[in-house]
Amino acid sequence: MHPITLAQLVKRHRKTKGLCIELLRLRSFECSLYLVELVIEDETYLVKDEQGKVLSFRSLLDAKKPFKEFNIACAELVQESAYDEMIGQPVGQEKNTLRVKVALPRDDLS
């Protein structure tokens, strides 16, 4: 996974004019913290700030706002659960992950 800042994303968008973000992945942690991953040309990027810290948001809507002007093909919300571990069940090969398609940022009514 590669780091990318919003400024780098804007610069890349202006340079290519047809930049398409294949997937906007919004990772939910404890239902109140959201991190953003982008898939561009089959490469995954984690969105960070100018100081190199991972950008975090307090709501799904806030996490999508910075990406309203970009061409995004698909958006999903991902939440992983540690429930099996919490109740003493063995950790399986499969992660207990919920993936839900969500509205694209440009389609939100904000």
C-alpha atoms as a PDB file:
ATOM      1  CA  MET A   1       0.000   0.000   0.000  1.00  0.00           C
ATOM      2  CA  HIS A   2       1.308   3.408  -0.969  1.00  0.00           C
ATOM      3  CA  PRO A   3       0.756   6.717   0.845  1.00  0.00           C
ATOM      4  CA  ILE A   4      -0.881   9.634  -0.970  1.00  0.00           C
ATOM      5  CA  THR A   5      -1.917  13.097   0.179  1.00  0.00           C
ATOM      6  CA  LEU A   6      -4.936  15.019  -1.064  1.00  0.00           C
ATOM      7  CA  ALA A   7      -2.562  17.545  -2.667  1.00  0.00           C
ATOM      8  CA  GLN A   8      -0.771  14.766  -4.562  1.00  0.00           C
ATOM      9  CA  LEU A   9      -4.114  13.354  -5.663  1.00  0.00           C
ATOM     10  CA  VAL A  10      -5.279  16.760  -6.951  1.00  0.00           C
ATOM     11  CA  LYS A  11      -1.987  17.256  -8.800  1.00  0.00           C
ATOM     12  CA  ARG A  12      -2.258  13.812 -10.378  1.00  0.00           C
ATOM     13  CA  HIS A  13      -5.886  14.480 -11.308  1.00  0.00           C
ATOM     14  CA  ARG A  14      -4.988  17.775 -13.035  1.00  0.00           C
ATOM     15  CA  LYS A  15      -2.021  16.220 -14.811  1.00  0.00           C
ATOM     16  CA  THR A  16      -3.892  13.227 -16.265  1.00  0.00           C
ATOM     17  CA  LYS A  17      -7.283  14.956 -16.800  1.00  0.00           C
ATOM     18  CA  GLY A  18      -8.925  11.534 -16.903  1.00  0.00           C
ATOM     19  CA  LEU A  19      -7.815  10.043 -13.604  1.00  0.00           C
ATOM     20  CA  CYS A  20     -10.291   7.430 -12.513  1.00  0.00           C
ATOM     21  CA  ILE A  21     -10.329   6.187  -8.956  1.00  0.00           C
ATOM     22  CA  GLU A  22     -11.471   2.596  -9.351  1.00  0.00           C
ATOM     23  CA  LEU A  23     -12.477   2.217  -5.717  1.00  0.00           C
ATOM     24  CA  LEU A  24     -12.940   4.526  -2.751  1.00  0.00           C
ATOM     25  CA  ARG A  25     -12.671   2.255   0.284  1.00  0.00           C
ATOM     26  CA  LEU A  26     -13.851   3.709   3.592  1.00  0.00           C
ATOM     27  CA  ARG A  27     -12.581   1.659   6.529  1.00  0.00           C
ATOM     28  CA  SER A  28     -14.691   1.938   9.667  1.00  0.00           C
ATOM     29  CA  PHE A  29     -13.155   1.457  13.085  1.00  0.00           C
ATOM     30  CA  GLU A  30     -15.439   1.282  16.111  1.00  0.00           C
ATOM     31  CA  CYS A  31     -18.194   2.979  14.068  1.00  0.00           C
ATOM     32  CA  SER A  32     -16.791   6.441  14.714  1.00  0.00           C
ATOM     33  CA  LEU A  33     -13.440   6.588  12.945  1.00  0.00           C
ATOM     34  CA  TYR A  34     -12.988   6.320   9.196  1.00  0.00           C
ATOM     35  CA  LEU A  35      -9.816   5.936   7.122  1.00  0.00           C
ATOM     36  CA  VAL A  36      -9.725   6.227   3.331  1.00  0.00           C
ATOM     37  CA  GLU A  37      -8.019   3.926   0.854  1.00  0.00           C
ATOM     38  CA  LEU A  38      -8.059   4.484  -2.907  1.00  0.00           C
ATOM     39  CA  VAL A  39      -7.487   2.006  -5.696  1.00  0.00           C
ATOM     40  CA  ILE A  40      -5.994   3.684  -8.773  1.00  0.00           C
ATOM     41  CA  GLU A  41      -4.683   1.644 -11.704  1.00  0.00           C
ATOM     42  CA  ASP A  42      -4.711  -1.523  -9.553  1.00  0.00           C
ATOM     43  CA  GLU A  43      -2.540   0.108  -6.862  1.00  0.00           C
ATOM     44  CA  THR A  44      -3.864   0.758  -3.357  1.00  0.00           C
ATOM     45  CA  TYR A  45      -3.159   4.084  -1.649  1.00  0.00           C
ATOM     46  CA  LEU A  46      -3.756   5.147   1.944  1.00  0.00           C
ATOM     47  CA  VAL A  47      -4.703   8.825   2.233  1.00  0.00           C
ATOM     48  CA  LYS A  48      -2.412  10.762   4.579  1.00  0.00           C
ATOM     49  CA  ASP A  49      -1.931  14.396   5.529  1.00  0.00           C
ATOM     50  CA  GLU A  50       1.069  16.548   4.589  1.00  0.00           C
ATOM     51  CA  GLN A  51       2.950  15.422   7.725  1.00  0.00           C
ATOM     52  CA  GLY A  52       2.551  11.742   6.810  1.00  0.00           C
ATOM     53  CA  LYS A  53      -0.152  10.943   9.376  1.00  0.00           C
ATOM     54  CA  VAL A  54      -3.097   8.865   8.227  1.00  0.00           C
ATOM     55  CA  LEU A  55      -6.124  11.095   7.618  1.00  0.00           C
ATOM     56  CA  SER A  56      -9.032  10.101   9.827  1.00  0.00           C
ATOM     57  CA  PHE A  57     -12.608  11.308   9.786  1.00  0.00           C
ATOM     58  CA  ARG A  58     -15.436  11.176  12.331  1.00  0.00           C
ATOM     59  CA  SER A  59     -18.255  10.339   9.935  1.00  0.00           C
ATOM     60  CA  LEU A  60     -18.797   8.580   6.648  1.00  0.00           C
ATOM     61  CA  LEU A  61     -20.000  11.815   5.070  1.00  0.00           C
ATOM     62  CA  ASP A  62     -16.908  13.740   6.215  1.00  0.00           C
ATOM     63  CA  ALA A  63     -14.677  10.986   4.823  1.00  0.00           C
ATOM     64  CA  LYS A  64     -16.299  11.275   1.392  1.00  0.00           C
ATOM     65  CA  LYS A  65     -16.405  15.100   1.121  1.00  0.00           C
ATOM     66  CA  PRO A  66     -12.788  15.644  -0.047  1.00  0.00           C
ATOM     67  CA  PHE A  67     -13.414  13.319  -3.008  1.00  0.00           C
ATOM     68  CA  LYS A  68     -16.588  14.916  -4.458  1.00  0.00           C
ATOM     69  CA  GLU A  69     -14.827  16.337  -7.522  1.00  0.00           C
ATOM     70  CA  PHE A  70     -13.028  13.137  -8.513  1.00  0.00           C
ATOM     71  CA  ASN A  71     -14.147  10.523 -11.011  1.00  0.00           C
ATOM     72  CA  ILE A  72     -14.844   7.503  -8.785  1.00  0.00           C
ATOM     73  CA  ALA A  73     -16.191   4.255 -10.191  1.00  0.00           C
ATOM     74  CA  CYS A  74     -17.194   2.544  -6.936  1.00  0.00           C
ATOM     75  CA  ALA A  75     -17.288   3.224  -3.201  1.00  0.00           C
ATOM     76  CA  GLU A  76     -17.501   0.756  -0.347  1.00  0.00           C
ATOM     77  CA  LEU A  77     -17.606   0.747   3.426  1.00  0.00           C
ATOM     78  CA  VAL A  78     -15.481  -1.937   5.088  1.00  0.00           C
ATOM     79  CA  GLN A  79     -15.731  -2.994   8.701  1.00  0.00           C
ATOM     80  CA  GLU A  80     -13.733  -5.831  10.204  1.00  0.00           C
ATOM     81  CA  SER A  81     -14.966  -7.493  13.360  1.00  0.00           C
ATOM     82  CA  ALA A  82     -12.844  -9.043  16.082  1.00  0.00           C
ATOM     83  CA  TYR A  83     -15.928 -10.736  17.535  1.00  0.00           C
ATOM     84  CA  ASP A  84     -14.588 -14.284  17.134  1.00  0.00           C
ATOM     85  CA  GLU A  85     -11.469 -13.421  19.110  1.00  0.00           C
ATOM     86  CA  MET A  86     -13.476 -11.581  21.752  1.00  0.00           C
ATOM     87  CA  ILE A  87     -15.571 -14.638  22.596  1.00  0.00           C
ATOM     88  CA  GLY A  88     -12.638 -17.049  22.589  1.00  0.00           C
ATOM     89  CA  GLN A  89     -13.253 -18.626  19.198  1.00  0.00           C
ATOM     90  CA  PRO A  90     -10.233 -19.587  17.125  1.00  0.00           C
ATOM     91  CA  VAL A  91      -9.197 -17.044  14.559  1.00  0.00           C
ATOM     92  CA  GLY A  92     -10.055 -18.516  11.170  1.00  0.00           C
ATOM     93  CA  GLN A  93      -8.407 -18.139   7.816  1.00  0.00           C
ATOM     94  CA  GLU A  94     -11.229 -15.838   6.724  1.00  0.00           C
ATOM     95  CA  LYS A  95     -11.463 -12.425   8.306  1.00  0.00           C
ATOM     96  CA  ASN A  96     -14.831 -11.462   9.663  1.00  0.00           C
ATOM     97  CA  THR A  97     -15.270  -8.551   7.244  1.00  0.00           C
ATOM     98  CA  LEU A  98     -18.390  -6.696   6.179  1.00  0.00           C
ATOM     99  CA  ARG A  99     -18.257  -4.898   2.797  1.00  0.00           C
ATOM    100  CA  VAL A 100     -21.140  -2.663   1.769  1.00  0.00           C
ATOM    101  CA  LYS A 101     -21.428  -0.538  -1.367  1.00  0.00           C
ATOM    102  CA  VAL A 102     -22.180   3.091  -0.528  1.00  0.00           C
ATOM    103  CA  ALA A 103     -23.165   6.134  -2.567  1.00  0.00           C
ATOM    104  CA  LEU A 104     -20.397   7.883  -4.455  1.00  0.00           C
ATOM    105  CA  PRO A 105     -19.262  11.201  -2.964  1.00  0.00           C
ATOM    106  CA  ARG A 106     -20.675  13.167  -5.931  1.00  0.00           C
ATOM    107  CA  ASP A 107     -24.107  11.585  -5.296  1.00  0.00           C
ATOM    108  CA  ASP A 108     -24.327  12.583  -1.633  1.00  0.00           C
ATOM    109  CA  LEU A 109     -26.714  15.389  -0.828  1.00  0.00           C
ATOM    110  CA  SER A 110     -24.219  17.341   1.263  1.00  0.00           C
END
